[in-house]
PDB file of N, CA and C in Angstrom:
ATOM      1  N   MET A   1       0.811  -1.254   0.098  1.00  0.00           N
ATOM      2  CA  MET A   1       0.028  -0.052   0.013  1.00  0.00           C
ATOM      3  C   MET A   1       0.880   1.235   0.118  1.00  0.00           C
ATOM      4  N   ALA A   2       1.889   1.357   0.707  1.00  0.00           N
ATOM      5  CA  ALA A   2       2.927   2.365   0.977  1.00  0.00           C
ATOM      6  C   ALA A   2       3.469   2.666  -0.527  1.00  0.00           C
ATOM      7  N   LYS A   3       3.926   1.497  -1.267  1.00  0.00           N
ATOM      8  CA  LYS A   3       4.622   1.795  -2.330  1.00  0.00           C
ATOM      9  C   LYS A   3       3.575   2.323  -3.495  1.00  0.00           C
ATOM     10  N   LEU A   4       2.359   1.741  -3.413  1.00  0.00           N
ATOM     11  CA  LEU A   4       1.231   2.250  -4.312  1.00  0.00           C
ATOM     12  C   LEU A   4       1.078   3.963  -4.032  1.00  0.00           C
ATOM     13  N   ILE A   5       0.925   4.395  -2.794  1.00  0.00           N
ATOM     14  CA  ILE A   5       0.713   5.719  -2.480  1.00  0.00           C
ATOM     15  C   ILE A   5       1.922   6.534  -2.977  1.00  0.00           C
ATOM     16  N   ILE A   6       3.140   6.018  -2.650  1.00  0.00           N
ATOM     17  CA  ILE A   6       4.276   6.761  -3.253  1.00  0.00           C
ATOM     18  C   ILE A   6       4.371   6.892  -4.954  1.00  0.00           C
ATOM     19  N   LYS A   7       3.917   5.826  -5.487  1.00  0.00           N
ATOM     20  CA  LYS A   7       3.848   5.882  -6.759  1.00  0.00           C
ATOM     21  C   LYS A   7       2.791   6.990  -7.375  1.00  0.00           C
ATOM     22  N   ASN A   8       1.822   6.809  -6.751  1.00  0.00           N
ATOM     23  CA  ASN A   8       0.622   7.807  -6.970  1.00  0.00           C
ATOM     24  C   ASN A   8       1.142   9.113  -7.164  1.00  0.00           C
ATOM     25  N   LEU A   9       1.654   9.393  -5.723  1.00  0.00           N
ATOM     26  CA  LEU A   9       2.432  10.725  -5.547  1.00  0.00           C
ATOM     27  C   LEU A   9       3.445  11.010  -6.434  1.00  0.00           C
ATOM     28  N   ASN A  10       4.164  10.297  -6.892  1.00  0.00           N
ATOM     29  CA  ASN A  10       5.280  10.309  -7.869  1.00  0.00           C
ATOM     30  C   ASN A  10       4.739  10.863  -9.288  1.00  0.00           C
ATOM     31  N   ASP A  11       3.803   9.929  -9.682  1.00  0.00           N
ATOM     32  CA  ASP A  11       3.245  10.066 -10.845  1.00  0.00           C
ATOM     33  C   ASP A  11       2.534  11.544 -11.196  1.00  0.00           C
ATOM     34  N   HIS A  12       1.877  11.908  -9.976  1.00  0.00           N
ATOM     35  CA  HIS A  12       0.862  12.950 -10.197  1.00  0.00           C
ATOM     36  C   HIS A  12       1.659  14.343  -9.678  1.00  0.00           C
ATOM     37  N   TYR A  13       2.852  13.976  -9.349  1.00  0.00           N
ATOM     38  CA  TYR A  13       3.562  15.365  -8.575  1.00  0.00           C
ATOM     39  C   TYR A  13       3.744  16.583  -9.602  1.00  0.00           C
ATOM     40  N   SER A  14       4.091  16.201 -10.811  1.00  0.00           N
ATOM     41  CA  SER A  14       4.489  17.209 -11.791  1.00  0.00           C
ATOM     42  C   SER A  14       3.031  17.830 -12.217  1.00  0.00           C
ATOM     43  N   GLU A  15       2.139  16.984 -12.430  1.00  0.00           N
ATOM     44  CA  GLU A  15       0.700  17.539 -12.867  1.00  0.00           C
ATOM     45  C   GLU A  15       0.206  18.489 -11.754  1.00  0.00           C
ATOM     46  N   ILE A  16       0.193  18.191 -10.485  1.00  0.00           N
ATOM     47  CA  ILE A  16      -0.113  18.919  -9.420  1.00  0.00           C
ATOM     48  C   ILE A  16       0.578  20.267  -9.480  1.00  0.00           C
ATOM     49  N   ALA A  17       1.944  20.132  -9.368  1.00  0.00           N
ATOM     50  CA  ALA A  17       2.654  21.415  -9.285  1.00  0.00           C
ATOM     51  C   ALA A  17       2.535  22.298 -10.500  1.00  0.00           C
ATOM     52  N   LYS A  18       2.276  21.760 -11.770  1.00  0.00           N
ATOM     53  CA  LYS A  18       1.968  22.484 -12.755  1.00  0.00           C
ATOM     54  C   LYS A  18       0.705  23.195 -12.787  1.00  0.00           C
ATOM     55  N   LEU A  19      -0.299  22.466 -12.211  1.00  0.00           N
ATOM     56  CA  LEU A  19      -1.674  23.048 -11.937  1.00  0.00           C
ATOM     57  C   LEU A  19      -1.575  24.335 -11.012  1.00  0.00           C
ATOM     58  N   ILE A  20      -1.155  24.133  -9.961  1.00  0.00           N
ATOM     59  CA  ILE A  20      -0.989  25.103  -8.981  1.00  0.00           C
ATOM     60  C   ILE A  20      -0.162  26.370  -9.593  1.00  0.00           C
ATOM     61  N   ILE A  21       0.900  26.160 -10.179  1.00  0.00           N
ATOM     62  CA  ILE A  21       1.654  27.213 -10.918  1.00  0.00           C
ATOM     63  C   ILE A  21       0.776  28.065 -11.942  1.00  0.00           C
ATOM     64  N   LYS A  22      -0.060  27.075 -13.005  1.00  0.00           N
ATOM     65  CA  LYS A  22      -0.795  27.674 -13.787  1.00  0.00           C
ATOM     66  C   LYS A  22      -1.956  28.383 -13.043  1.00  0.00           C
ATOM     67  N   ASN A  23      -2.656  28.098 -12.182  1.00  0.00           N
ATOM     68  CA  ASN A  23      -3.763  28.813 -11.361  1.00  0.00           C
ATOM     69  C   ASN A  23      -3.066  30.411 -10.867  1.00  0.00           C
ATOM     70  N   LEU A  24      -1.588  30.193 -10.138  1.00  0.00           N
ATOM     71  CA  LEU A  24      -1.004  31.367  -9.956  1.00  0.00           C
ATOM     72  C   LEU A  24      -0.724  32.148 -10.916  1.00  0.00           C
ATOM     73  N   LYS A  25      -0.221  31.862 -11.947  1.00  0.00           N
ATOM     74  CA  LYS A  25       0.088  32.700 -13.247  1.00  0.00           C
ATOM     75  C   LYS A  25      -1.233  33.189 -13.867  1.00  0.00           C
ATOM     76  N   ASP A  26      -2.399  32.538 -14.090  1.00  0.00           N
ATOM     77  CA  ASP A  26      -3.393  32.860 -14.531  1.00  0.00           C
ATOM     78  C   ASP A  26      -4.365  33.860 -13.614  1.00  0.00           C
ATOM     79  N   HIS A  27      -4.093  33.911 -12.427  1.00  0.00           N
ATOM     80  CA  HIS A  27      -4.640  34.603 -11.402  1.00  0.00           C
ATOM     81  C   HIS A  27      -3.959  35.865 -10.978  1.00  0.00           C
ATOM     82  N   ASN A  28      -2.511  36.033 -11.439  1.00  0.00           N
ATOM     83  CA  ASN A  28      -1.534  36.782 -10.953  1.00  0.00           C
ATOM     84  C   ASN A  28      -2.001  38.318 -10.936  1.00  0.00           C
ATOM     85  N   THR A  29      -2.477  38.696 -12.250  1.00  0.00           N
ATOM     86  CA  THR A  29      -2.558  39.973 -12.613  1.00  0.00           C
ATOM     87  C   THR A  29      -3.803  40.485 -11.870  1.00  0.00           C
ATOM     88  N   ALA A  30      -4.802  39.550 -11.812  1.00  0.00           N
ATOM     89  CA  ALA A  30      -6.027  39.975 -10.944  1.00  0.00           C
ATOM     90  C   ALA A  30      -5.863  39.972  -9.465  1.00  0.00           C
ATOM     91  N   ILE A  31      -4.964  39.255  -8.947  1.00  0.00           N
ATOM     92  CA  ILE A  31      -4.771  39.287  -7.277  1.00  0.00           C
ATOM     93  C   ILE A  31      -4.053  40.640  -7.245  1.00  0.00           C
ATOM     94  N   ALA A  32      -3.001  40.943  -7.942  1.00  0.00           N
ATOM     95  CA  ALA A  32      -2.141  41.973  -7.889  1.00  0.00           C
ATOM     96  C   ALA A  32      -2.845  43.247  -7.887  1.00  0.00           C
ATOM     97  N   LYS A  33      -3.840  43.345  -8.888  1.00  0.00           N
ATOM     98  CA  LYS A  33      -4.875  44.456  -9.300  1.00  0.00           C
ATOM     99  C   LYS A  33      -5.766  44.636  -7.824  1.00  0.00           C
ATOM    100  N   LEU A  34      -6.197  43.563  -7.564  1.00  0.00           N
ATOM    101  CA  LEU A  34      -7.116  43.486  -6.119  1.00  0.00           C
ATOM    102  C   LEU A  34      -6.345  44.004  -4.995  1.00  0.00           C
ATOM    103  N   ILE A  35      -5.185  43.684  -4.640  1.00  0.00           N
ATOM    104  CA  ILE A  35      -4.421  44.113  -3.600  1.00  0.00           C
ATOM    105  C   ILE A  35      -3.969  45.687  -3.722  1.00  0.00           C
ATOM    106  N   VAL A  36      -3.652  46.139  -4.904  1.00  0.00           N
ATOM    107  CA  VAL A  36      -3.422  47.390  -5.120  1.00  0.00           C
ATOM    108  C   VAL A  36      -4.625  48.129  -4.853  1.00  0.00           C
ATOM    109  N   LYS A  37      -5.891  47.878  -5.515  1.00  0.00           N
ATOM    110  CA  LYS A  37      -7.120  48.501  -5.231  1.00  0.00           C
ATOM    111  C   LYS A  37      -7.455  48.704  -3.689  1.00  0.00           C
ATOM    112  N   ASN A  38      -7.215  47.405  -2.910  1.00  0.00           N
ATOM    113  CA  ASN A  38      -7.608  47.555  -1.707  1.00  0.00           C
ATOM    114  C   ASN A  38      -6.607  48.285  -0.882  1.00  0.00           C
ATOM    115  N   LEU A  39      -5.363  48.514  -1.188  1.00  0.00           N
ATOM    116  CA  LEU A  39      -4.297  49.513  -0.583  1.00  0.00           C
ATOM    117  C   LEU A  39      -4.755  50.949  -0.975  1.00  0.00           C
ATOM    118  N   ASN A  40      -5.020  51.061  -2.110  1.00  0.00           N
ATOM    119  CA  ASN A  40      -5.436  52.604  -2.690  1.00  0.00           C
ATOM    120  C   ASN A  40      -6.718  52.936  -2.140  1.00  0.00           C
ATOM    121  N   ASP A  41      -7.691  51.927  -1.935  1.00  0.00           N
ATOM    122  CA  ASP A  41      -9.018  52.462  -1.206  1.00  0.00           C
ATOM    123  C   ASP A  41      -8.749  52.633   0.392  1.00  0.00           C
ATOM    124  N   ASN A  42      -7.752  51.953   0.952  1.00  0.00           N
ATOM    125  CA  ASN A  42      -7.808  52.166   2.177  1.00  0.00           C
ATOM    126  C   ASN A  42      -6.393  52.903   2.661  1.00  0.00           C
ATOM    127  N   ASN A  43      -5.933  53.691   1.764  1.00  0.00           N
ATOM    128  CA  ASN A  43      -4.617  54.432   1.639  1.00  0.00           C
ATOM    129  C   ASN A  43      -4.268  54.995   2.916  1.00  0.00           C
ATOM    130  N   ILE A  44      -5.116  55.937   3.465  1.00  0.00           N
ATOM    131  CA  ILE A  44      -4.883  56.549   4.762  1.00  0.00           C
ATOM    132  C   ILE A  44      -4.845  55.781   5.909  1.00  0.00           C
ATOM    133  N   VAL A  45      -5.648  54.725   6.065  1.00  0.00           N
ATOM    134  CA  VAL A  45      -5.440  53.914   7.120  1.00  0.00           C
ATOM    135  C   VAL A  45      -4.385  53.132   7.176  1.00  0.00           C
ATOM    136  N   ILE A  46      -3.830  52.652   6.040  1.00  0.00           N
ATOM    137  CA  ILE A  46      -2.591  51.884   5.812  1.00  0.00           C
ATOM    138  C   ILE A  46      -1.404  52.811   6.293  1.00  0.00           C
ATOM    139  N   ALA A  47      -1.354  53.781   5.727  1.00  0.00           N
ATOM    140  CA  ALA A  47      -0.221  54.740   5.875  1.00  0.00           C
ATOM    141  C   ALA A  47      -0.257  55.136   7.638  1.00  0.00           C
ATOM    142  N   GLU A  48      -1.186  55.474   8.083  1.00  0.00           N
ATOM    143  CA  GLU A  48      -1.467  55.725   9.605  1.00  0.00           C
ATOM    144  C   GLU A  48      -0.972  54.555  10.424  1.00  0.00           C
ATOM    145  N   LEU A  49      -1.277  53.363   9.847  1.00  0.00           N
ATOM    146  CA  LEU A  49      -1.073  52.140  10.493  1.00  0.00           C
ATOM    147  C   LEU A  49       0.461  51.797  10.669  1.00  0.00           C
ATOM    148  N   ILE A  50       1.086  51.980   9.408  1.00  0.00           N
ATOM    149  CA  ILE A  50       2.673  51.957   9.345  1.00  0.00           C
ATOM    150  C   ILE A  50       3.246  52.896  10.263  1.00  0.00           C
ATOM    151  N   VAL A  51       2.720  54.221  10.315  1.00  0.00           N
ATOM    152  CA  VAL A  51       3.507  55.160  11.243  1.00  0.00           C
ATOM    153  C   VAL A  51       3.301  54.744  12.490  1.00  0.00           C
ATOM    154  N   LYS A  52       2.136  54.511  12.821  1.00  0.00           N
ATOM    155  CA  LYS A  52       2.036  53.973  14.250  1.00  0.00           C
ATOM    156  C   LYS A  52       2.820  52.851  14.762  1.00  0.00           C
ATOM    157  N   ASN A  53       2.936  52.016  13.617  1.00  0.00           N
ATOM    158  CA  ASN A  53       3.861  50.787  14.215  1.00  0.00           C
ATOM    159  C   ASN A  53       5.610  51.371  14.139  1.00  0.00           C
ATOM    160  N   LEU A  54       5.801  52.196  13.296  1.00  0.00           N
ATOM    161  CA  LEU A  54       7.088  52.690  13.431  1.00  0.00           C
ATOM    162  C   LEU A  54       7.434  53.350  14.675  1.00  0.00           C
ATOM    163  N   ASN A  55       6.400  54.364  15.074  1.00  0.00           N
ATOM    164  CA  ASN A  55       6.482  55.156  16.400  1.00  0.00           C
ATOM    165  C   ASN A  55       6.552  54.257  17.481  1.00  0.00           C
ATOM    166  N   ASN A  56       5.932  53.048  17.454  1.00  0.00           N
ATOM    167  CA  ASN A  56       5.723  52.233  18.658  1.00  0.00           C
ATOM    168  C   ASN A  56       7.035  51.230  18.597  1.00  0.00           C
ATOM    169  N   HIS A  57       7.815  51.450  17.567  1.00  0.00           N
ATOM    170  CA  HIS A  57       8.991  50.355  17.298  1.00  0.00           C
ATOM    171  C   HIS A  57       8.846  48.932  17.247  1.00  0.00           C
ATOM    172  N   ASN A  58       7.218  48.954  16.505  1.00  0.00           N
ATOM    173  CA  ASN A  58       7.008  47.373  16.374  1.00  0.00           C
ATOM    174  C   ASN A  58       7.037  47.209  14.694  1.00  0.00           C
ATOM    175  N   SER A  59       8.071  47.749  14.273  1.00  0.00           N
ATOM    176  CA  SER A  59       8.317  47.764  12.825  1.00  0.00           C
ATOM    177  C   SER A  59       9.094  46.554  12.163  1.00  0.00           C
ATOM    178  N   ALA A  60       9.533  45.615  13.040  1.00  0.00           N
ATOM    179  CA  ALA A  60      10.443  44.593  12.499  1.00  0.00           C
ATOM    180  C   ALA A  60       9.753  43.789  11.244  1.00  0.00           C
ATOM    181  N   ILE A  61       8.425  43.497  11.340  1.00  0.00           N
ATOM    182  CA  ILE A  61       7.546  42.778  10.457  1.00  0.00           C
ATOM    183  C   ILE A  61       7.662  43.578   9.078  1.00  0.00           C
ATOM    184  N   ILE A  62       7.235  44.962   9.152  1.00  0.00           N
ATOM    185  CA  ILE A  62       7.122  45.867   8.076  1.00  0.00           C
ATOM    186  C   ILE A  62       8.512  45.801   7.582  1.00  0.00           C
ATOM    187  N   ILE A  63       9.581  45.894   8.077  1.00  0.00           N
ATOM    188  CA  ILE A  63      11.068  45.800   7.444  1.00  0.00           C
ATOM    189  C   ILE A  63      11.156  44.597   6.877  1.00  0.00           C
ATOM    190  N   LYS A  64      10.847  43.564   7.441  1.00  0.00           N
ATOM    191  CA  LYS A  64      11.141  42.082   6.840  1.00  0.00           C
ATOM    192  C   LYS A  64      10.360  41.985   5.536  1.00  0.00           C
ATOM    193  N   ASN A  65       9.082  42.630   5.643  1.00  0.00           N
ATOM    194  CA  ASN A  65       8.308  42.348   4.300  1.00  0.00           C
ATOM    195  C   ASN A  65       8.605  43.202   3.267  1.00  0.00           C
ATOM    196  N   VAL A  66       9.051  44.606   3.569  1.00  0.00           N
ATOM    197  CA  VAL A  66       9.840  45.260   2.626  1.00  0.00           C
ATOM    198  C   VAL A  66      10.936  44.924   1.970  1.00  0.00           C
ATOM    199  N   ASN A  67      11.825  44.239   2.876  1.00  0.00           N
ATOM    200  CA  ASN A  67      13.219  43.499   2.234  1.00  0.00           C
ATOM    201  C   ASN A  67      12.612  42.310   1.520  1.00  0.00           C
ATOM    202  N   ASN A  68      11.830  41.533   1.865  1.00  0.00           N
ATOM    203  CA  ASN A  68      11.260  40.415   1.044  1.00  0.00           C
ATOM    204  C   ASN A  68      10.774  40.673  -0.313  1.00  0.00           C
ATOM    205  N   HIS A  69       9.982  41.845  -0.414  1.00  0.00           N
ATOM    206  CA  HIS A  69       9.116  42.184  -1.557  1.00  0.00           C
ATOM    207  C   HIS A  69       9.533  43.642  -2.050  1.00  0.00           C
ATOM    208  N   ASN A  70      10.896  43.826  -1.948  1.00  0.00           N
ATOM    209  CA  ASN A  70      11.356  45.100  -1.992  1.00  0.00           C
ATOM    210  C   ASN A  70      10.745  46.362  -2.909  1.00  0.00           C
ATOM    211  N   SER A  71      10.845  46.054  -4.098  1.00  0.00           N
ATOM    212  CA  SER A  71      10.522  47.120  -5.010  1.00  0.00           C
ATOM    213  C   SER A  71       8.834  47.602  -4.850  1.00  0.00           C
ATOM    214  N   ALA A  72       7.975  46.548  -4.783  1.00  0.00           N
ATOM    215  CA  ALA A  72       6.361  46.996  -4.934  1.00  0.00           C
ATOM    216  C   ALA A  72       6.033  47.500  -3.491  1.00  0.00           C
ATOM    217  N   ILE A  73       6.407  46.852  -2.459  1.00  0.00           N
ATOM    218  CA  ILE A  73       5.975  47.295  -0.965  1.00  0.00           C
ATOM    219  C   ILE A  73       6.811  48.603  -0.649  1.00  0.00           C
ATOM    220  N   THR A  74       8.079  48.760  -1.014  1.00  0.00           N
ATOM    221  CA  THR A  74       8.749  49.787  -0.694  1.00  0.00           C
ATOM    222  C   THR A  74       8.257  51.065  -1.687  1.00  0.00           C
ATOM    223  N   GLU A  75       7.718  50.953  -2.714  1.00  0.00           N
ATOM    224  CA  GLU A  75       7.196  52.048  -3.506  1.00  0.00           C
ATOM    225  C   GLU A  75       5.885  52.339  -2.925  1.00  0.00           C
ATOM    226  N   LEU A  76       5.096  51.368  -2.692  1.00  0.00           N
ATOM    227  CA  LEU A  76       3.859  51.751  -2.140  1.00  0.00           C
ATOM    228  C   LEU A  76       3.845  52.469  -0.718  1.00  0.00           C
ATOM    229  N   ILE A  77       4.673  52.090   0.227  1.00  0.00           N
ATOM    230  CA  ILE A  77       4.939  52.596   1.307  1.00  0.00           C
ATOM    231  C   ILE A  77       5.331  54.392   1.070  1.00  0.00           C
ATOM    232  N   ILE A  78       6.251  54.304   0.377  1.00  0.00           N
ATOM    233  CA  ILE A  78       6.858  55.750   0.064  1.00  0.00           C
ATOM    234  C   ILE A  78       5.940  56.708  -0.542  1.00  0.00           C
ATOM    235  N   ASN A  79       4.986  56.030  -1.462  1.00  0.00           N
ATOM    236  CA  ASN A  79       3.897  56.781  -2.114  1.00  0.00           C
ATOM    237  C   ASN A  79       3.003  57.237  -1.022  1.00  0.00           C
ATOM    238  N   ASN A  80       2.378  56.284  -0.033  1.00  0.00           N
ATOM    239  CA  ASN A  80       1.595  56.512   0.975  1.00  0.00           C
ATOM    240  C   ASN A  80       2.047  57.619   1.765  1.00  0.00           C
ATOM    241  N   PHE A  81       3.438  57.595   1.921  1.00  0.00           N
ATOM    242  CA  PHE A  81       3.906  58.532   2.942  1.00  0.00           C
ATOM    243  C   PHE A  81       3.851  60.045   2.194  1.00  0.00           C
ATOM    244  N   ASN A  82       4.383  60.063   1.031  1.00  0.00           N
ATOM    245  CA  ASN A  82       4.254  61.211   0.158  1.00  0.00           C
ATOM    246  C   ASN A  82       2.986  61.882  -0.027  1.00  0.00           C
ATOM    247  N   ASN A  83       1.845  60.996  -0.411  1.00  0.00           N
ATOM    248  CA  ASN A  83       0.803  61.299  -0.829  1.00  0.00           C
ATOM    249  C   ASN A  83       0.054  62.135   0.465  1.00  0.00           C
ATOM    250  N   HIS A  84       0.482  61.647   1.832  1.00  0.00           N
ATOM    251  CA  HIS A  84      -0.273  62.221   2.887  1.00  0.00           C
ATOM    252  C   HIS A  84       0.668  62.937   3.768  1.00  0.00           C
ATOM    253  N   ASN A  85       1.923  63.426   3.008  1.00  0.00           N
ATOM    254  CA  ASN A  85       2.695  64.312   3.651  1.00  0.00           C
ATOM    255  C   ASN A  85       2.964  63.989   5.120  1.00  0.00           C
ATOM    256  N   LEU A  86       3.270  62.673   5.432  1.00  0.00           N
ATOM    257  CA  LEU A  86       3.514  62.304   6.741  1.00  0.00           C
ATOM    258  C   LEU A  86       4.832  62.811   7.361  1.00  0.00           C
ATOM    259  N   ASP A  87       4.735  63.340   8.465  1.00  0.00           N
ATOM    260  CA  ASP A  87       6.096  63.681   9.075  1.00  0.00           C
ATOM    261  C   ASP A  87       6.972  62.612   9.614  1.00  0.00           C
ATOM    262  N   LEU A  88       8.171  61.949   9.121  1.00  0.00           N
ATOM    263  CA  LEU A  88       8.836  61.034  10.064  1.00  0.00           C
ATOM    264  C   LEU A  88      10.237  61.511  10.084  1.00  0.00           C
ATOM    265  N   ASN A  89      10.461  61.193  11.396  1.00  0.00           N
ATOM    266  CA  ASN A  89      12.034  61.436  11.686  1.00  0.00           C
ATOM    267  C   ASN A  89      12.766  60.322  11.423  1.00  0.00           C
ATOM    268  N   VAL A  90      13.294  60.131  10.369  1.00  0.00           N
ATOM    269  CA  VAL A  90      13.721  58.838   9.897  1.00  0.00           C
ATOM    270  C   VAL A  90      15.150  58.404  10.649  1.00  0.00           C
ATOM    271  N   ARG A  91      15.785  59.415  11.168  1.00  0.00           N
ATOM    272  CA  ARG A  91      16.753  58.997  12.131  1.00  0.00           C
ATOM    273  C   ARG A  91      16.287  58.134  13.329  1.00  0.00           C
ATOM    274  N   ASN A  92      15.130  58.359  13.658  1.00  0.00           N
ATOM    275  CA  ASN A  92      14.658  57.620  15.101  1.00  0.00           C
ATOM    276  C   ASN A  92      13.520  56.755  14.359  1.00  0.00           C
ATOM    277  N   SER A  93      13.644  56.307  13.383  1.00  0.00           N
ATOM    278  CA  SER A  93      12.734  55.151  13.069  1.00  0.00           C
ATOM    279  C   SER A  93      13.299  54.141  12.233  1.00  0.00           C
ATOM    280  N   ALA A  94      12.668  52.954  12.385  1.00  0.00           N
ATOM    281  CA  ALA A  94      13.261  51.695  11.400  1.00  0.00           C
ATOM    282  C   ALA A  94      13.107  52.007  10.007  1.00  0.00           C
ATOM    283  N   PHE A  95      12.238  52.947   9.584  1.00  0.00           N
ATOM    284  CA  PHE A  95      11.939  53.301   8.028  1.00  0.00           C
ATOM    285  C   PHE A  95      13.216  53.587   7.498  1.00  0.00           C
ATOM    286  N   ALA A  96      14.354  54.240   8.393  1.00  0.00           N
ATOM    287  CA  ALA A  96      15.327  54.690   7.780  1.00  0.00           C
ATOM    288  C   ALA A  96      16.226  53.493   7.188  1.00  0.00           C
ATOM    289  N   LYS A  97      16.083  52.390   7.669  1.00  0.00           N
ATOM    290  CA  LYS A  97      16.529  51.273   7.065  1.00  0.00           C
ATOM    291  C   LYS A  97      16.487  51.130   5.834  1.00  0.00           C
ATOM    292  N   LEU A  98      15.309  51.647   5.018  1.00  0.00           N
ATOM    293  CA  LEU A  98      14.992  51.387   3.785  1.00  0.00           C
ATOM    294  C   LEU A  98      15.790  52.158   2.744  1.00  0.00           C
TER     295      LEU A  98
END
């Protein structure tokens, strides 16, 4: 039984992986647009939340995410700050690491 299960997994592994990748590729643009729309629709709230986290020194996860997804998230955060003229003392915040 174990050999049969392993054989089935091996036989179908490529097909399953391809299906997952295909679905991700097919929906990539739609998901990206939805995320951007949601961020734009909630622009002020997101910008305020980021500033609050920075001020509270709880910014490690934001910095980690920015580093992991450098261009898109960095640009989005910078745009939010610029659009809302948010005052940051970058010398005293983790945002300076960007």
